[in-house]
N, C-alpha and C. Protein backbone atom coordinates (compact mmCIF):
# COMPACT_ATOMS: atom_id res chain seq x y z
N MET A 1 4.37 18.58 2.66
CA MET A 1 4.01 17.57 1.75
C MET A 1 5.04 16.52 1.96
N ASN A 2 4.72 15.15 2.07
CA ASN A 2 5.60 13.99 2.21
C ASN A 2 5.95 13.67 0.78
N GLU A 3 6.99 12.84 0.77
CA GLU A 3 7.38 12.32 -0.39
C GLU A 3 6.58 11.48 -1.19
N VAL A 4 5.75 10.65 -0.61
CA VAL A 4 4.71 9.81 -1.21
C VAL A 4 3.71 10.91 -1.94
N GLN A 5 3.21 11.85 -1.24
CA GLN A 5 2.23 12.87 -1.90
C GLN A 5 2.77 13.45 -3.15
N ARG A 6 4.15 13.90 -2.95
CA ARG A 6 4.86 14.54 -3.90
C ARG A 6 4.87 13.71 -5.35
N LEU A 7 5.20 12.28 -5.00
CA LEU A 7 5.26 11.45 -6.17
C LEU A 7 3.93 11.24 -6.78
N MET A 8 2.83 11.00 -5.93
CA MET A 8 1.60 10.86 -6.43
C MET A 8 1.16 12.15 -7.40
N ASP A 9 1.40 13.32 -6.89
CA ASP A 9 1.14 14.38 -7.61
C ASP A 9 1.74 14.52 -8.90
N LYS A 10 3.08 14.03 -9.02
CA LYS A 10 3.76 13.94 -10.34
C LYS A 10 3.23 12.89 -11.22
N VAL A 11 2.60 11.79 -10.62
CA VAL A 11 2.10 10.61 -11.44
C VAL A 11 0.78 11.23 -11.98
N ILE A 12 0.00 11.63 -11.21
CA ILE A 12 -1.35 12.28 -11.72
C ILE A 12 -1.24 13.48 -12.59
N GLU A 13 -0.20 14.25 -12.49
CA GLU A 13 0.11 15.37 -13.48
C GLU A 13 0.42 14.69 -14.84
N PHE A 14 1.28 13.59 -14.75
CA PHE A 14 1.77 12.83 -15.94
C PHE A 14 0.44 12.41 -16.59
N ARG A 15 -0.42 11.78 -15.85
CA ARG A 15 -1.60 11.13 -16.32
C ARG A 15 -2.48 12.38 -17.02
N ASP A 16 -2.68 13.39 -16.33
CA ASP A 16 -3.69 14.33 -16.73
C ASP A 16 -3.06 15.08 -18.03
N GLU A 17 -1.86 15.16 -18.04
CA GLU A 17 -1.32 15.85 -19.45
C GLU A 17 -1.55 15.09 -20.60
N ARG A 18 -1.95 13.77 -20.27
CA ARG A 18 -2.17 12.76 -21.55
C ARG A 18 -3.58 12.57 -21.73
N ASP A 19 -4.29 13.09 -20.77
CA ASP A 19 -5.81 12.89 -20.85
C ASP A 19 -6.20 11.39 -20.73
N TRP A 20 -5.54 10.68 -19.75
CA TRP A 20 -5.74 9.19 -19.39
C TRP A 20 -6.78 8.91 -18.32
N ALA A 21 -7.15 10.09 -17.63
CA ALA A 21 -8.15 9.73 -16.49
C ALA A 21 -9.21 8.85 -16.73
N PHE A 22 -9.82 9.02 -17.94
CA PHE A 22 -11.07 8.32 -18.04
C PHE A 22 -10.63 6.75 -18.08
N HIS A 23 -9.43 6.36 -18.22
CA HIS A 23 -9.27 4.89 -17.94
C HIS A 23 -8.97 4.49 -16.68
N HIS A 24 -8.70 5.46 -15.87
CA HIS A 24 -8.24 5.11 -14.41
C HIS A 24 -9.31 5.12 -13.35
N ASN A 25 -10.01 3.97 -13.34
CA ASN A 25 -11.07 3.54 -12.44
C ASN A 25 -10.31 2.42 -11.59
N PRO A 26 -10.85 2.24 -10.25
CA PRO A 26 -10.26 1.43 -9.38
C PRO A 26 -10.04 -0.08 -9.97
N LYS A 27 -11.07 -0.47 -10.56
CA LYS A 27 -10.88 -1.98 -11.09
C LYS A 27 -9.78 -2.13 -12.22
N ASP A 28 -9.84 -1.10 -13.12
CA ASP A 28 -8.82 -1.25 -14.16
C ASP A 28 -7.47 -0.95 -13.62
N LEU A 29 -7.22 -0.11 -12.77
CA LEU A 29 -6.03 0.09 -12.19
C LEU A 29 -5.44 -1.14 -11.38
N ALA A 30 -6.43 -1.64 -10.69
CA ALA A 30 -6.03 -2.96 -10.00
C ALA A 30 -5.55 -4.07 -10.84
N LEU A 31 -6.34 -4.17 -12.10
CA LEU A 31 -5.96 -5.18 -13.03
C LEU A 31 -4.61 -4.82 -13.56
N SER A 32 -4.35 -3.59 -13.98
CA SER A 32 -2.94 -3.14 -14.39
C SER A 32 -1.72 -3.19 -13.50
N LEU A 33 -2.18 -3.08 -12.25
CA LEU A 33 -1.24 -3.23 -11.17
C LEU A 33 -0.79 -4.65 -11.10
N SER A 34 -1.73 -5.52 -11.06
CA SER A 34 -1.45 -7.02 -11.14
C SER A 34 -0.49 -7.50 -12.42
N LEU A 35 -0.94 -6.94 -13.61
CA LEU A 35 -0.24 -7.28 -14.78
C LEU A 35 1.33 -6.60 -14.72
N GLU A 36 1.51 -5.42 -14.18
CA GLU A 36 2.81 -4.89 -13.94
C GLU A 36 3.61 -5.69 -12.87
N ALA A 37 2.92 -6.12 -11.98
CA ALA A 37 3.54 -6.92 -10.93
C ALA A 37 4.00 -8.27 -11.47
N SER A 38 3.22 -8.81 -12.34
CA SER A 38 3.76 -10.01 -12.96
C SER A 38 4.91 -9.82 -14.03
N GLU A 39 4.99 -8.53 -14.73
CA GLU A 39 6.10 -8.20 -15.33
C GLU A 39 7.42 -8.08 -14.52
N LEU A 40 7.28 -7.67 -13.36
CA LEU A 40 8.44 -7.72 -12.39
C LEU A 40 8.79 -9.12 -12.02
N LEU A 41 7.83 -10.01 -11.75
CA LEU A 41 8.10 -11.29 -11.53
C LEU A 41 8.79 -12.14 -12.75
N GLU A 42 8.59 -11.61 -13.81
CA GLU A 42 8.94 -12.25 -15.04
C GLU A 42 10.48 -12.03 -15.14
N VAL A 43 11.07 -10.88 -14.79
CA VAL A 43 12.48 -10.79 -14.76
C VAL A 43 13.15 -11.92 -13.97
N PHE A 44 12.65 -12.49 -12.98
CA PHE A 44 13.23 -13.72 -12.33
C PHE A 44 12.89 -15.09 -12.99
N GLN A 45 12.13 -15.04 -14.16
CA GLN A 45 11.80 -16.34 -14.64
C GLN A 45 13.17 -16.90 -15.12
N TRP A 46 13.44 -18.25 -14.78
CA TRP A 46 14.58 -19.06 -15.15
C TRP A 46 15.88 -18.60 -14.78
N VAL A 47 16.03 -17.69 -13.86
CA VAL A 47 17.24 -17.33 -13.38
C VAL A 47 17.20 -17.28 -11.83
N SER A 48 18.44 -17.22 -11.21
CA SER A 48 18.31 -17.26 -9.65
C SER A 48 18.26 -15.69 -9.33
N SER A 49 17.89 -15.44 -8.14
CA SER A 49 17.73 -14.12 -7.54
C SER A 49 19.18 -13.32 -7.82
N GLU A 50 20.21 -14.07 -7.59
CA GLU A 50 21.60 -13.35 -7.59
C GLU A 50 21.65 -13.03 -9.13
N GLU A 51 21.51 -13.82 -10.17
CA GLU A 51 21.70 -13.70 -11.38
C GLU A 51 20.88 -12.50 -11.97
N ALA A 52 19.78 -12.39 -11.46
CA ALA A 52 18.78 -11.48 -11.96
C ALA A 52 19.42 -10.13 -11.38
N LEU A 53 19.85 -10.06 -10.11
CA LEU A 53 20.24 -8.83 -9.65
C LEU A 53 21.56 -8.31 -10.25
N GLU A 54 22.24 -9.37 -10.84
CA GLU A 54 23.51 -8.98 -11.61
C GLU A 54 23.33 -8.59 -12.90
N THR A 55 22.36 -9.24 -13.78
CA THR A 55 22.19 -8.86 -15.05
C THR A 55 20.82 -8.17 -15.42
N LYS A 56 19.82 -8.01 -14.52
CA LYS A 56 18.62 -7.37 -14.89
C LYS A 56 18.21 -6.26 -13.98
N LYS A 57 19.11 -5.61 -13.47
CA LYS A 57 18.74 -4.65 -12.37
C LYS A 57 18.07 -3.46 -12.84
N MET A 58 18.29 -2.88 -14.12
CA MET A 58 17.57 -1.72 -14.71
C MET A 58 16.10 -2.28 -15.12
N GLU A 59 16.09 -3.44 -15.63
CA GLU A 59 14.52 -3.95 -15.78
C GLU A 59 13.96 -4.00 -14.50
N MET A 60 14.49 -4.48 -13.52
CA MET A 60 13.69 -4.61 -12.18
C MET A 60 13.35 -3.24 -11.85
N GLU A 61 14.14 -2.13 -12.02
CA GLU A 61 13.91 -0.77 -11.56
C GLU A 61 12.66 -0.43 -12.38
N GLU A 62 12.60 -0.66 -13.61
CA GLU A 62 11.60 -0.11 -14.35
C GLU A 62 10.33 -0.72 -14.29
N GLU A 63 10.44 -2.16 -13.95
CA GLU A 63 9.06 -2.77 -13.57
C GLU A 63 8.45 -2.42 -12.23
N LEU A 64 9.54 -2.29 -11.26
CA LEU A 64 9.09 -1.72 -9.81
C LEU A 64 8.43 -0.39 -10.16
N ALA A 65 9.00 0.44 -10.81
CA ALA A 65 8.46 2.00 -10.99
C ALA A 65 7.03 1.85 -11.63
N ASP A 66 6.91 0.98 -12.50
CA ASP A 66 5.60 0.85 -13.13
C ASP A 66 4.56 0.36 -12.01
N VAL A 67 5.03 -0.79 -11.17
CA VAL A 67 4.27 -1.22 -10.12
C VAL A 67 3.77 -0.21 -9.19
N LEU A 68 4.59 0.72 -8.74
CA LEU A 68 4.45 1.78 -7.94
C LEU A 68 3.63 2.78 -8.42
N ILE A 69 3.78 3.17 -9.66
CA ILE A 69 3.04 4.26 -10.52
C ILE A 69 1.76 3.65 -10.51
N TYR A 70 1.36 2.41 -10.79
CA TYR A 70 -0.08 2.04 -10.81
C TYR A 70 -0.69 2.05 -9.59
N ALA A 71 0.24 1.66 -8.49
CA ALA A 71 -0.29 1.67 -7.11
C ALA A 71 -0.73 3.17 -6.51
N LEU A 72 0.21 4.09 -6.94
CA LEU A 72 -0.26 5.42 -6.56
C LEU A 72 -1.46 6.04 -7.21
N THR A 73 -1.48 5.70 -8.55
CA THR A 73 -2.71 5.86 -9.29
C THR A 73 -4.04 5.33 -8.81
N PHE A 74 -3.81 4.00 -8.35
CA PHE A 74 -4.96 3.47 -7.80
C PHE A 74 -5.49 4.07 -6.57
N ALA A 75 -4.41 4.46 -5.45
CA ALA A 75 -4.81 5.06 -4.38
C ALA A 75 -5.51 6.45 -4.59
N HIS A 76 -4.94 7.15 -5.66
CA HIS A 76 -5.62 8.38 -5.94
C HIS A 76 -7.16 8.13 -6.41
N ALA A 77 -7.25 7.26 -7.29
CA ALA A 77 -8.67 6.87 -7.78
C ALA A 77 -9.55 6.43 -6.73
N ALA A 78 -8.99 5.57 -5.66
CA ALA A 78 -9.92 5.11 -4.62
C ALA A 78 -10.01 5.93 -3.42
N GLY A 79 -9.25 7.13 -3.49
CA GLY A 79 -9.20 7.88 -2.29
C GLY A 79 -8.47 7.39 -1.04
N ILE A 80 -7.46 6.78 -1.37
CA ILE A 80 -6.67 6.11 -0.21
C ILE A 80 -5.42 7.02 0.06
N ASP A 81 -5.35 7.34 1.34
CA ASP A 81 -4.19 8.05 1.91
C ASP A 81 -3.09 6.84 1.93
N VAL A 82 -2.01 6.82 0.98
CA VAL A 82 -1.01 5.69 1.16
C VAL A 82 -0.28 5.80 2.26
N SER A 83 0.20 6.92 2.81
CA SER A 83 1.10 6.99 4.14
C SER A 83 0.30 6.36 5.21
N LYS A 84 -0.84 6.87 5.28
CA LYS A 84 -1.83 6.35 6.44
C LYS A 84 -2.05 4.82 6.32
N ALA A 85 -2.45 4.34 5.08
CA ALA A 85 -2.67 3.02 4.86
C ALA A 85 -1.45 2.07 5.13
N ILE A 86 -0.25 2.52 4.80
CA ILE A 86 0.94 1.70 5.24
C ILE A 86 1.14 1.83 6.64
N GLU A 87 1.00 2.92 7.37
CA GLU A 87 1.08 3.06 8.80
C GLU A 87 0.19 2.14 9.56
N ASP A 88 -1.16 2.36 9.13
CA ASP A 88 -2.25 1.25 9.70
C ASP A 88 -1.80 -0.02 9.59
N LYS A 89 -1.51 -0.48 8.32
CA LYS A 89 -1.25 -1.94 7.99
C LYS A 89 -0.02 -2.51 8.95
N LEU A 90 1.04 -1.62 9.13
CA LEU A 90 2.25 -2.07 9.97
C LEU A 90 1.79 -2.29 11.29
N VAL A 91 0.88 -1.39 11.94
CA VAL A 91 0.47 -1.50 13.22
C VAL A 91 -0.42 -2.97 13.24
N LYS A 92 -1.23 -3.16 12.31
CA LYS A 92 -2.06 -4.38 12.35
C LYS A 92 -1.05 -5.45 12.13
N ASN A 93 -0.02 -5.52 11.48
CA ASN A 93 0.95 -6.57 11.15
C ASN A 93 1.74 -6.84 12.30
N ALA A 94 2.04 -5.69 13.11
CA ALA A 94 2.78 -5.93 14.37
C ALA A 94 2.03 -6.79 15.35
N VAL A 95 0.78 -6.75 15.39
CA VAL A 95 0.08 -7.57 16.27
C VAL A 95 -0.18 -8.89 15.80
N LYS A 96 -0.34 -9.02 14.51
CA LYS A 96 -0.47 -10.46 13.86
C LYS A 96 0.93 -11.12 14.01
N TYR A 97 2.00 -10.38 13.70
CA TYR A 97 3.19 -11.07 13.61
C TYR A 97 4.19 -10.47 14.69
N PRO A 98 4.30 -10.84 15.89
CA PRO A 98 4.83 -10.16 16.86
C PRO A 98 6.37 -10.55 16.77
N VAL A 99 7.27 -9.78 17.28
CA VAL A 99 8.74 -9.88 17.23
C VAL A 99 9.02 -11.18 18.15
N LEU A 100 9.81 -11.98 17.58
CA LEU A 100 9.96 -13.31 18.15
C LEU A 100 11.65 -13.30 18.42
N ASN A 101 12.05 -14.17 19.26
CA ASN A 101 13.41 -14.19 19.64
C ASN A 101 14.06 -14.74 18.18
N THR A 102 15.23 -14.20 17.91
CA THR A 102 15.73 -14.24 16.50
C THR A 102 16.09 -16.00 16.19
N GLU A 103 16.32 -16.78 17.24
CA GLU A 103 16.39 -17.98 16.95
C GLU A 103 15.07 -18.67 16.73
N ASP A 104 14.02 -18.22 17.25
CA ASP A 104 12.64 -18.65 16.95
C ASP A 104 12.23 -18.44 15.51
N SER A 105 12.77 -17.27 14.91
CA SER A 105 12.09 -16.84 13.63
C SER A 105 12.87 -17.59 12.46
N ARG A 106 13.87 -18.40 12.74
CA ARG A 106 14.49 -19.15 11.47
C ARG A 106 13.94 -20.41 11.33
């Protein structure tokens, strides 16, 4: 079992222990994922990236964890193999965005 699957199993176990599965359909999970991503973005409102990293690191970690938890729960509900989806997308992106000379990419 890979680390992504291990984490997904923990997230689903947490959800099932609380009997929350009836809330977890792909549409509602996608909405919740977007809301949590907005909460992560809110950490940076009115401050520089540097200031946020210095003063709000724990808040960033918590919001990122929420985003990832919803992403894993969404993948579970939609029957998506996260590891395969990421690997497939990286292959697609490699074609779309080929490696350029470092001077050309700035």
